[in-house]
Amino acid sequence: MNHDIPLKYFDIADEYATECAEPVAEAERTPLAHYFQLLLTRLMNNEEISEEAQHEMAAEAGINLVRIDEIAEFLNQWGNE
């Protein structure tokens, strides 16, 4: 699965891991990178991202749903820097 996800999404996942409240396990790294890929692709395509869409992407990527809000906050801060 790693080979299908560009390295830049792993870099974002690693940055998120340094700033999040709940530690990120190594096993979560690829699912998080996949989630960032799905989410940022939609954002770059100017697609609306509903709460339902976030849950669908989280399920597809295999991340814990409790991370969704924290990831959204992380991306808001990241986008403002």
Protein backbone atom coordinates (compact mmCIF):
# COMPACT_ATOMS: atom_id res chain seq x y z
CA MET A 1 0.00 0.00 0.00
CA ASN A 2 2.91 2.38 0.75
CA HIS A 3 4.03 2.48 -2.86
CA ASP A 4 0.70 3.99 -3.98
CA ILE A 5 0.92 6.90 -1.52
CA PRO A 6 3.32 9.71 -2.44
CA LEU A 7 6.03 10.45 0.12
CA LYS A 8 4.70 13.97 0.76
CA TYR A 9 1.66 12.47 2.51
CA PHE A 10 3.92 10.46 4.80
CA ASP A 11 5.77 13.70 5.57
CA ILE A 12 2.46 15.34 6.53
CA ALA A 13 1.49 12.33 8.64
CA ASP A 14 4.87 12.49 10.40
CA GLU A 15 4.42 16.21 11.08
CA TYR A 16 0.93 15.54 12.44
CA ALA A 17 2.38 12.79 14.66
CA THR A 18 4.74 15.28 16.31
CA GLU A 19 1.89 17.66 17.15
CA CYS A 20 -1.10 15.48 18.03
CA ALA A 21 -2.31 14.80 21.56
CA GLU A 22 -2.64 11.02 21.13
CA PRO A 23 0.65 9.32 20.15
CA VAL A 24 0.73 7.81 16.66
CA ALA A 25 1.76 4.15 16.49
CA GLU A 26 3.99 3.03 13.63
CA ALA A 27 1.09 0.89 12.36
CA GLU A 28 -1.00 4.07 11.97
CA ARG A 29 1.52 5.84 9.74
CA THR A 30 0.36 4.41 6.40
CA PRO A 31 -3.37 4.78 7.16
CA LEU A 32 -2.77 8.39 8.22
CA ALA A 33 -0.79 9.12 5.05
CA HIS A 34 -3.63 7.59 3.02
CA TYR A 35 -6.20 9.72 4.86
CA PHE A 36 -4.17 12.88 4.21
CA GLN A 37 -3.92 11.89 0.54
CA LEU A 38 -7.69 11.41 0.25
CA LEU A 39 -8.50 14.58 2.18
CA LEU A 40 -6.00 16.88 0.49
CA THR A 41 -6.90 15.58 -2.96
CA ARG A 42 -10.50 16.60 -2.33
CA LEU A 43 -9.39 20.00 -1.03
CA MET A 44 -7.19 20.59 -4.08
CA ASN A 45 -10.17 19.71 -6.29
CA ASN A 46 -12.28 22.30 -4.42
CA GLU A 47 -14.68 19.59 -3.30
CA GLU A 48 -16.82 20.18 -0.23
CA ILE A 49 -15.83 17.92 2.63
CA SER A 50 -18.76 17.07 4.86
CA GLU A 51 -18.55 15.28 8.17
CA GLU A 52 -19.96 12.21 6.41
CA ALA A 53 -17.23 12.41 3.75
CA GLN A 54 -14.57 12.66 6.46
CA HIS A 55 -15.95 9.53 8.10
CA GLU A 56 -16.01 7.70 4.76
CA MET A 57 -12.40 8.67 4.02
CA ALA A 58 -11.35 7.67 7.55
CA ALA A 59 -13.00 4.28 7.12
CA GLU A 60 -11.38 3.80 3.69
CA ALA A 61 -7.95 4.75 5.04
CA GLY A 62 -8.39 2.74 8.23
CA ILE A 63 -7.82 5.52 10.76
CA ASN A 64 -9.50 5.89 14.12
CA LEU A 65 -12.51 8.22 13.83
CA VAL A 66 -11.45 10.13 16.94
CA ARG A 67 -8.54 11.57 14.94
CA ILE A 68 -10.78 13.35 12.40
CA ASP A 69 -11.34 16.57 14.38
CA GLU A 70 -7.71 16.78 15.47
CA ILE A 71 -6.54 16.31 11.87
CA ALA A 72 -8.91 19.05 10.70
CA GLU A 73 -7.51 21.39 13.36
CA PHE A 74 -3.95 20.42 12.40
CA LEU A 75 -4.62 21.20 8.73
CA ASN A 76 -6.20 24.55 9.62
CA GLN A 77 -3.11 25.53 11.62
CA TRP A 78 -0.81 24.12 8.94
CA GLY A 79 -2.63 26.11 6.24
CA ASN A 80 -2.29 29.32 8.25
CA GLU A 81 1.50 28.98 8.60
